[in-house]
Amino acid sequence: MEIKKQLMKRQVAGETFLVPLGKAVYDSNGLFFLTEVGAFLWDLLEKAESEEELVAAVLAEYDVDEATARADINAFLTKLREMGIL
């Protein structure tokens, strides 16, 4: 999957954020907060070729049922697309 905006993942006081860089600073409304699973997915995005790969990775890493994982991943990807990140 292709990340369209320049964003850097940073940890601040135990929380994970995406910080816009370069031109993305002007196109965004500030920092983006990531949950633990969101940060896990973020690290996989550029390598993953499909949503199925993300689902498999989440199922292997977390104690969650497949339906919940699919719904949450779909919501995460939808939000990133709406924000012009993916």
PDB file of N, CA and C in Angstrom:
ATOM      1  N   MET A   1       0.849  -1.176   0.000  1.00  0.00           N
ATOM      2  CA  MET A   1       0.000   0.000   0.000  1.00  0.00           C
ATOM      3  C   MET A   1       0.889   1.230   0.000  1.00  0.00           C
ATOM      4  N   GLU A   2       0.447   2.246  -0.669  1.00  0.00           N
ATOM      5  CA  GLU A   2       1.253   3.452  -0.811  1.00  0.00           C
ATOM      6  C   GLU A   2       0.795   4.543   0.155  1.00  0.00           C
ATOM      7  N   ILE A   3       1.742   5.052   0.926  1.00  0.00           N
ATOM      8  CA  ILE A   3       1.467   6.183   1.814  1.00  0.00           C
ATOM      9  C   ILE A   3       1.765   7.448   1.032  1.00  0.00           C
ATOM     10  N   LYS A   4       0.757   8.305   0.872  1.00  0.00           N
ATOM     11  CA  LYS A   4       0.879   9.472   0.007  1.00  0.00           C
ATOM     12  C   LYS A   4       1.478  10.695   0.686  1.00  0.00           C
ATOM     13  N   LYS A   5       1.306  10.808   1.980  1.00  0.00           N
ATOM     14  CA  LYS A   5       1.832  11.972   2.685  1.00  0.00           C
ATOM     15  C   LYS A   5       3.094  11.596   3.438  1.00  0.00           C
ATOM     16  N   GLN A   6       3.952  12.591   3.610  1.00  0.00           N
ATOM     17  CA  GLN A   6       5.156  12.375   4.386  1.00  0.00           C
ATOM     18  C   GLN A   6       4.804  12.498   5.866  1.00  0.00           C
ATOM     19  N   LEU A   7       4.813  11.365   6.535  1.00  0.00           N
ATOM     20  CA  LEU A   7       4.520  11.334   7.960  1.00  0.00           C
ATOM     21  C   LEU A   7       5.564  10.474   8.664  1.00  0.00           C
ATOM     22  N   MET A   8       5.972  10.917   9.837  1.00  0.00           N
ATOM     23  CA  MET A   8       6.940  10.174  10.619  1.00  0.00           C
ATOM     24  C   MET A   8       6.273   9.732  11.916  1.00  0.00           C
ATOM     25  N   LYS A   9       6.430   8.467  12.254  1.00  0.00           N
ATOM     26  CA  LYS A   9       5.868   7.947  13.499  1.00  0.00           C
ATOM     27  C   LYS A   9       6.808   8.304  14.636  1.00  0.00           C
ATOM     28  N   ARG A  10       6.243   8.875  15.700  1.00  0.00           N
ATOM     29  CA  ARG A  10       7.028   9.268  16.869  1.00  0.00           C
ATOM     30  C   ARG A  10       6.286   8.897  18.141  1.00  0.00           C
ATOM     31  N   GLN A  11       7.052   8.537  19.168  1.00  0.00           N
ATOM     32  CA  GLN A  11       6.489   8.266  20.487  1.00  0.00           C
ATOM     33  C   GLN A  11       6.761   9.469  21.380  1.00  0.00           C
ATOM     34  N   VAL A  12       5.708   9.949  22.029  1.00  0.00           N
ATOM     35  CA  VAL A  12       5.827  11.076  22.941  1.00  0.00           C
ATOM     36  C   VAL A  12       5.052  10.714  24.207  1.00  0.00           C
ATOM     37  N   ALA A  13       5.750  10.662  25.317  1.00  0.00           N
ATOM     38  CA  ALA A  13       5.128  10.363  26.610  1.00  0.00           C
ATOM     39  C   ALA A  13       4.279   9.094  26.550  1.00  0.00           C
ATOM     40  N   GLY A  14       4.797   8.061  25.901  1.00  0.00           N
ATOM     41  CA  GLY A  14       4.107   6.787  25.827  1.00  0.00           C
ATOM     42  C   GLY A  14       2.984   6.713  24.806  1.00  0.00           C
ATOM     43  N   GLU A  15       2.738   7.777  24.077  1.00  0.00           N
ATOM     44  CA  GLU A  15       1.698   7.806  23.041  1.00  0.00           C
ATOM     45  C   GLU A  15       2.370   7.843  21.670  1.00  0.00           C
ATOM     46  N   THR A  16       1.710   7.272  20.671  1.00  0.00           N
ATOM     47  CA  THR A  16       2.265   7.236  19.323  1.00  0.00           C
ATOM     48  C   THR A  16       1.520   8.203  18.425  1.00  0.00           C
ATOM     49  N   PHE A  17       2.275   9.023  17.712  1.00  0.00           N
ATOM     50  CA  PHE A  17       1.712  10.027  16.816  1.00  0.00           C
ATOM     51  C   PHE A  17       2.360   9.931  15.445  1.00  0.00           C
ATOM     52  N   LEU A  18       1.636  10.382  14.444  1.00  0.00           N
ATOM     53  CA  LEU A  18       2.205  10.601  13.127  1.00  0.00           C
ATOM     54  C   LEU A  18       2.413  12.097  13.000  1.00  0.00           C
ATOM     55  N   VAL A  19       3.634  12.480  12.683  1.00  0.00           N
ATOM     56  CA  VAL A  19       4.002  13.890  12.574  1.00  0.00           C
ATOM     57  C   VAL A  19       4.196  14.214  11.096  1.00  0.00           C
ATOM     58  N   PRO A  20       3.455  15.205  10.573  1.00  0.00           N
ATOM     59  CA  PRO A  20       3.624  15.570   9.168  1.00  0.00           C
ATOM     60  C   PRO A  20       4.987  16.218   8.922  1.00  0.00           C
ATOM     61  N   LEU A  21       5.550  15.927   7.755  1.00  0.00           N
ATOM     62  CA  LEU A  21       6.840  16.491   7.348  1.00  0.00           C
ATOM     63  C   LEU A  21       6.684  17.203   6.013  1.00  0.00           C
ATOM     64  N   GLY A  22       7.576  18.113   5.735  1.00  0.00           N
ATOM     65  CA  GLY A  22       7.580  18.788   4.439  1.00  0.00           C
ATOM     66  C   GLY A  22       6.255  19.453   4.117  1.00  0.00           C
ATOM     67  N   LYS A  23       5.801  19.278   2.886  1.00  0.00           N
ATOM     68  CA  LYS A  23       4.558  19.880   2.422  1.00  0.00           C
ATOM     69  C   LYS A  23       3.350  19.378   3.202  1.00  0.00           C
ATOM     70  N   ALA A  24       3.442  18.159   3.755  1.00  0.00           N
ATOM     71  CA  ALA A  24       2.336  17.580   4.521  1.00  0.00           C
ATOM     72  C   ALA A  24       1.977  18.430   5.740  1.00  0.00           C
ATOM     73  N   VAL A  25       2.933  19.228   6.238  1.00  0.00           N
ATOM     74  CA  VAL A  25       2.652  20.106   7.379  1.00  0.00           C
ATOM     75  C   VAL A  25       1.539  21.077   7.011  1.00  0.00           C
ATOM     76  N   TYR A  26       1.565  21.594   5.811  1.00  0.00           N
ATOM     77  CA  TYR A  26       0.579  22.580   5.374  1.00  0.00           C
ATOM     78  C   TYR A  26      -0.761  21.944   5.017  1.00  0.00           C
ATOM     79  N   ASP A  27      -0.740  20.655   4.671  1.00  0.00           N
ATOM     80  CA  ASP A  27      -1.950  19.954   4.253  1.00  0.00           C
ATOM     81  C   ASP A  27      -2.696  19.285   5.394  1.00  0.00           C
ATOM     82  N   SER A  28      -2.147  19.316   6.580  1.00  0.00           N
ATOM     83  CA  SER A  28      -2.768  18.586   7.694  1.00  0.00           C
ATOM     84  C   SER A  28      -3.182  19.532   8.809  1.00  0.00           C
ATOM     85  N   ASN A  29      -3.940  18.979   9.719  1.00  0.00           N
ATOM     86  CA  ASN A  29      -4.415  19.753  10.871  1.00  0.00           C
ATOM     87  C   ASN A  29      -3.617  19.445  12.117  1.00  0.00           C
ATOM     88  N   GLY A  30      -2.403  19.014  11.971  1.00  0.00           N
ATOM     89  CA  GLY A  30      -1.566  18.725  13.125  1.00  0.00           C
ATOM     90  C   GLY A  30      -1.157  17.275  13.202  1.00  0.00           C
ATOM     91  N   LEU A  31      -0.960  16.795  14.425  1.00  0.00           N
ATOM     92  CA  LEU A  31      -0.514  15.432  14.662  1.00  0.00           C
ATOM     93  C   LEU A  31      -1.678  14.459  14.553  1.00  0.00           C
ATOM     94  N   PHE A  32      -1.353  13.222  14.240  1.00  0.00           N
ATOM     95  CA  PHE A  32      -2.346  12.152  14.170  1.00  0.00           C
ATOM     96  C   PHE A  32      -2.011  11.143  15.264  1.00  0.00           C
ATOM     97  N   PHE A  33      -2.935  10.866  16.164  1.00  0.00           N
ATOM     98  CA  PHE A  33      -2.744   9.902  17.239  1.00  0.00           C
ATOM     99  C   PHE A  33      -3.003   8.494  16.721  1.00  0.00           C
ATOM    100  N   LEU A  34      -2.148   7.539  17.111  1.00  0.00           N
ATOM    101  CA  LEU A  34      -2.337   6.134  16.750  1.00  0.00           C
ATOM    102  C   LEU A  34      -2.510   5.294  18.013  1.00  0.00           C
ATOM    103  N   THR A  35      -3.458   4.384  17.991  1.00  0.00           N
ATOM    104  CA  THR A  35      -3.583   3.405  19.063  1.00  0.00           C
ATOM    105  C   THR A  35      -2.450   2.400  18.918  1.00  0.00           C
ATOM    106  N   GLU A  36      -2.344   1.470  19.848  1.00  0.00           N
ATOM    107  CA  GLU A  36      -1.314   0.434  19.766  1.00  0.00           C
ATOM    108  C   GLU A  36      -1.452  -0.367  18.473  1.00  0.00           C
ATOM    109  N   VAL A  37      -2.679  -0.759  18.140  1.00  0.00           N
ATOM    110  CA  VAL A  37      -2.896  -1.541  16.919  1.00  0.00           C
ATOM    111  C   VAL A  37      -2.681  -0.667  15.687  1.00  0.00           C
ATOM    112  N   GLY A  38      -3.085   0.594  15.756  1.00  0.00           N
ATOM    113  CA  GLY A  38      -2.850   1.517  14.650  1.00  0.00           C
ATOM    114  C   GLY A  38      -1.371   1.673  14.360  1.00  0.00           C
ATOM    115  N   ALA A  39      -0.553   1.774  15.402  1.00  0.00           N
ATOM    116  CA  ALA A  39       0.897   1.885  15.220  1.00  0.00           C
ATOM    117  C   ALA A  39       1.462   0.594  14.620  1.00  0.00           C
ATOM    118  N   PHE A  40       0.939  -0.543  15.070  1.00  0.00           N
ATOM    119  CA  PHE A  40       1.348  -1.839  14.511  1.00  0.00           C
ATOM    120  C   PHE A  40       1.027  -1.895  13.023  1.00  0.00           C
ATOM    121  N   LEU A  41      -0.188  -1.495  12.662  1.00  0.00           N
ATOM    122  CA  LEU A  41      -0.598  -1.494  11.252  1.00  0.00           C
ATOM    123  C   LEU A  41       0.232  -0.513  10.436  1.00  0.00           C
ATOM    124  N   TRP A  42       0.493   0.664  10.989  1.00  0.00           N
ATOM    125  CA  TRP A  42       1.275   1.681  10.286  1.00  0.00           C
ATOM    126  C   TRP A  42       2.622   1.118   9.853  1.00  0.00           C
ATOM    127  N   ASP A  43       3.250   0.352  10.756  1.00  0.00           N
ATOM    128  CA  ASP A  43       4.562  -0.222  10.444  1.00  0.00           C
ATOM    129  C   ASP A  43       4.489  -1.238   9.311  1.00  0.00           C
ATOM    130  N   LEU A  44       3.319  -1.812   9.084  1.00  0.00           N
ATOM    131  CA  LEU A  44       3.152  -2.830   8.045  1.00  0.00           C
ATOM    132  C   LEU A  44       2.645  -2.275   6.710  1.00  0.00           C
ATOM    133  N   LEU A  45       2.116  -1.075   6.705  1.00  0.00           N
ATOM    134  CA  LEU A  45       1.396  -0.559   5.537  1.00  0.00           C
ATOM    135  C   LEU A  45       2.178  -0.598   4.238  1.00  0.00           C
ATOM    136  N   GLU A  46       3.381  -0.089   4.236  1.00  0.00           N
ATOM    137  CA  GLU A  46       4.126  -0.012   2.975  1.00  0.00           C
ATOM    138  C   GLU A  46       4.544  -1.387   2.460  1.00  0.00           C
ATOM    139  N   LYS A  47       4.682  -2.349   3.364  1.00  0.00           N
ATOM    140  CA  LYS A  47       5.083  -3.690   2.961  1.00  0.00           C
ATOM    141  C   LYS A  47       3.890  -4.537   2.534  1.00  0.00           C
ATOM    142  N   ALA A  48       2.737  -4.248   3.097  1.00  0.00           N
ATOM    143  CA  ALA A  48       1.551  -5.072   2.826  1.00  0.00           C
ATOM    144  C   ALA A  48       1.020  -4.804   1.425  1.00  0.00           C
ATOM    145  N   GLU A  49       0.686  -5.874   0.749  1.00  0.00           N
ATOM    146  CA  GLU A  49       0.130  -5.749  -0.592  1.00  0.00           C
ATOM    147  C   GLU A  49      -1.388  -5.765  -0.578  1.00  0.00           C
ATOM    148  N   SER A  50      -1.959  -6.191   0.546  1.00  0.00           N
ATOM    149  CA  SER A  50      -3.416  -6.279   0.606  1.00  0.00           C
ATOM    150  C   SER A  50      -3.903  -6.140   2.041  1.00  0.00           C
ATOM    151  N   GLU A  51      -5.186  -5.897   2.151  1.00  0.00           N
ATOM    152  CA  GLU A  51      -5.822  -5.847   3.460  1.00  0.00           C
ATOM    153  C   GLU A  51      -5.745  -7.222   4.129  1.00  0.00           C
ATOM    154  N   GLU A  52      -5.769  -8.279   3.317  1.00  0.00           N
ATOM    155  CA  GLU A  52      -5.681  -9.646   3.854  1.00  0.00           C
ATOM    156  C   GLU A  52      -4.386  -9.860   4.635  1.00  0.00           C
ATOM    157  N   GLU A  53      -3.294  -9.296   4.136  1.00  0.00           N
ATOM    158  CA  GLU A  53      -2.019  -9.413   4.845  1.00  0.00           C
ATOM    159  C   GLU A  53      -2.082  -8.730   6.198  1.00  0.00           C
ATOM    160  N   LEU A  54      -2.738  -7.577   6.245  1.00  0.00           N
ATOM    161  CA  LEU A  54      -2.882  -6.864   7.512  1.00  0.00           C
ATOM    162  C   LEU A  54      -3.728  -7.659   8.494  1.00  0.00           C
ATOM    163  N   VAL A  55      -4.808  -8.237   8.004  1.00  0.00           N
ATOM    164  CA  VAL A  55      -5.678  -9.055   8.857  1.00  0.00           C
ATOM    165  C   VAL A  55      -4.880 -10.228   9.428  1.00  0.00           C
ATOM    166  N   ALA A  56      -4.133 -10.924   8.591  1.00  0.00           N
ATOM    167  CA  ALA A  56      -3.340 -12.066   9.045  1.00  0.00           C
ATOM    168  C   ALA A  56      -2.326 -11.647  10.108  1.00  0.00           C
ATOM    169  N   ALA A  57      -1.684 -10.502   9.912  1.00  0.00           N
ATOM    170  CA  ALA A  57      -0.689 -10.015  10.875  1.00  0.00           C
ATOM    171  C   ALA A  57      -1.341  -9.684  12.219  1.00  0.00           C
ATOM    172  N   VAL A  58      -2.492  -9.034  12.189  1.00  0.00           N
ATOM    173  CA  VAL A  58      -3.195  -8.686  13.427  1.00  0.00           C
ATOM    174  C   VAL A  58      -3.651  -9.945  14.148  1.00  0.00           C
ATOM    175  N   LEU A  59      -4.175 -10.916  13.402  1.00  0.00           N
ATOM    176  CA  LEU A  59      -4.619 -12.160  14.021  1.00  0.00           C
ATOM    177  C   LEU A  59      -3.452 -12.911  14.667  1.00  0.00           C
ATOM    178  N   ALA A  60      -2.268 -12.827  14.065  1.00  0.00           N
ATOM    179  CA  ALA A  60      -1.087 -13.500  14.614  1.00  0.00           C
ATOM    180  C   ALA A  60      -0.545 -12.776  15.850  1.00  0.00           C
ATOM    181  N   GLU A  61      -0.740 -11.462  15.907  1.00  0.00           N
ATOM    182  CA  GLU A  61      -0.147 -10.646  16.978  1.00  0.00           C
ATOM    183  C   GLU A  61      -1.072 -10.438  18.175  1.00  0.00           C
ATOM    184  N   TYR A  62      -2.376 -10.342  17.922  1.00  0.00           N
ATOM    185  CA  TYR A  62      -3.333  -9.979  18.969  1.00  0.00           C
ATOM    186  C   TYR A  62      -4.391 -11.059  19.160  1.00  0.00           C
ATOM    187  N   ASP A  63      -4.934 -11.095  20.347  1.00  0.00           N
ATOM    188  CA  ASP A  63      -6.017 -12.033  20.678  1.00  0.00           C
ATOM    189  C   ASP A  63      -7.343 -11.379  20.303  1.00  0.00           C
ATOM    190  N   VAL A  64      -7.717 -11.532  19.037  1.00  0.00           N
ATOM    191  CA  VAL A  64      -8.928 -10.904  18.510  1.00  0.00           C
ATOM    192  C   VAL A  64      -9.537 -11.849  17.477  1.00  0.00           C
ATOM    193  N   ASP A  65     -10.859 -11.809  17.366  1.00  0.00           N
ATOM    194  CA  ASP A  65     -11.492 -12.663  16.358  1.00  0.00           C
ATOM    195  C   ASP A  65     -11.373 -12.006  14.977  1.00  0.00           C
ATOM    196  N   GLU A  66     -11.506 -12.811  13.954  1.00  0.00           N
ATOM    197  CA  GLU A  66     -11.284 -12.333  12.585  1.00  0.00           C
ATOM    198  C   GLU A  66     -12.267 -11.238  12.173  1.00  0.00           C
ATOM    199  N   ALA A  67     -13.528 -11.379  12.541  1.00  0.00           N
ATOM    200  CA  ALA A  67     -14.529 -10.374  12.157  1.00  0.00           C
ATOM    201  C   ALA A  67     -14.201  -9.012  12.751  1.00  0.00           C
ATOM    202  N   THR A  68     -13.788  -8.993  14.007  1.00  0.00           N
ATOM    203  CA  THR A  68     -13.421  -7.726  14.657  1.00  0.00           C
ATOM    204  C   THR A  68     -12.169  -7.140  14.015  1.00  0.00           C
ATOM    205  N   ALA A  69     -11.179  -7.986  13.753  1.00  0.00           N
ATOM    206  CA  ALA A  69      -9.944  -7.513  13.116  1.00  0.00           C
ATOM    207  C   ALA A  69     -10.242  -6.904  11.754  1.00  0.00           C
ATOM    208  N   ARG A  70     -11.050  -7.589  10.955  1.00  0.00           N
ATOM    209  CA  ARG A  70     -11.397  -7.073   9.623  1.00  0.00           C
ATOM    210  C   ARG A  70     -12.121  -5.729   9.707  1.00  0.00           C
ATOM    211  N   ALA A  71     -13.084  -5.643  10.601  1.00  0.00           N
ATOM    212  CA  ALA A  71     -13.859  -4.401  10.739  1.00  0.00           C
ATOM    213  C   ALA A  71     -12.968  -3.249  11.186  1.00  0.00           C
ATOM    214  N   ASP A  72     -12.105  -3.503  12.157  1.00  0.00           N
ATOM    215  CA  ASP A  72     -11.222  -2.449  12.665  1.00  0.00           C
ATOM    216  C   ASP A  72     -10.191  -2.014  11.626  1.00  0.00           C
ATOM    217  N   ILE A  73      -9.629  -2.954  10.904  1.00  0.00           N
ATOM    218  CA  ILE A  73      -8.645  -2.636   9.866  1.00  0.00           C
ATOM    219  C   ILE A  73      -9.310  -1.860   8.738  1.00  0.00           C
ATOM    220  N   ASN A  74     -10.504  -2.282   8.365  1.00  0.00           N
ATOM    221  CA  ASN A  74     -11.244  -1.569   7.318  1.00  0.00           C
ATOM    222  C   ASN A  74     -11.515  -0.133   7.743  1.00  0.00           C
ATOM    223  N   ALA A  75     -11.917   0.074   8.990  1.00  0.00           N
ATOM    224  CA  ALA A  75     -12.177   1.425   9.496  1.00  0.00           C
ATOM    225  C   ALA A  75     -10.899   2.265   9.502  1.00  0.00           C
ATOM    226  N   PHE A  76      -9.788   1.658   9.906  1.00  0.00           N
ATOM    227  CA  PHE A  76      -8.502   2.350   9.941  1.00  0.00           C
ATOM    228  C   PHE A  76      -8.078   2.778   8.537  1.00  0.00           C
ATOM    229  N   LEU A  77      -8.156   1.865   7.586  1.00  0.00           N
ATOM    230  CA  LEU A  77      -7.762   2.175   6.208  1.00  0.00           C
ATOM    231  C   LEU A  77      -8.697   3.202   5.580  1.00  0.00           C
ATOM    232  N   THR A  78      -9.977   3.097   5.874  1.00  0.00           N
ATOM    233  CA  THR A  78     -10.946   4.071   5.359  1.00  0.00           C
ATOM    234  C   THR A  78     -10.613   5.466   5.866  1.00  0.00           C
ATOM    235  N   LYS A  79     -10.288   5.581   7.145  1.00  0.00           N
ATOM    236  CA  LYS A  79      -9.946   6.884   7.723  1.00  0.00           C
ATOM    237  C   LYS A  79      -8.673   7.439   7.068  1.00  0.00           C
ATOM    238  N   LEU A  80      -7.678   6.592   6.867  1.00  0.00           N
ATOM    239  CA  LEU A  80      -6.440   7.048   6.225  1.00  0.00           C
ATOM    240  C   LEU A  80      -6.713   7.520   4.791  1.00  0.00           C
ATOM    241  N   ARG A  81      -7.581   6.821   4.092  1.00  0.00           N
ATOM    242  CA  ARG A  81      -7.929   7.235   2.719  1.00  0.00           C
ATOM    243  C   ARG A  81      -8.691   8.552   2.723  1.00  0.00           C
ATOM    244  N   GLU A  82      -9.625   8.722   3.659  1.00  0.00           N
ATOM    245  CA  GLU A  82     -10.381   9.970   3.757  1.00  0.00           C
ATOM    246  C   GLU A  82      -9.461  11.155   4.039  1.00  0.00           C
ATOM    247  N   MET A  83      -8.394  10.912   4.786  1.00  0.00           N
ATOM    248  CA  MET A  83      -7.453  11.974   5.128  1.00  0.00           C
ATOM    249  C   MET A  83      -6.395  12.172   4.049  1.00  0.00           C
ATOM    250  N   GLY A  84      -6.468  11.388   2.983  1.00  0.00           N
ATOM    251  CA  GLY A  84      -5.497  11.518   1.897  1.00  0.00           C
ATOM    252  C   GLY A  84      -4.134  10.954   2.218  1.00  0.00           C
ATOM    253  N   ILE A  85      -4.071  10.088   3.240  1.00  0.00           N
ATOM    254  CA  ILE A  85      -2.792   9.504   3.634  1.00  0.00           C
ATOM    255  C   ILE A  85      -2.466   8.285   2.793  1.00  0.00           C
ATOM    256  N   LEU A  86      -3.475   7.487   2.464  1.00  0.00           N
ATOM    257  CA  LEU A  86      -3.290   6.307   1.606  1.00  0.00           C
ATOM    258  C   LEU A  86      -3.848   6.582   0.242  1.00  0.00           C
TER     259      LEU A  86
END
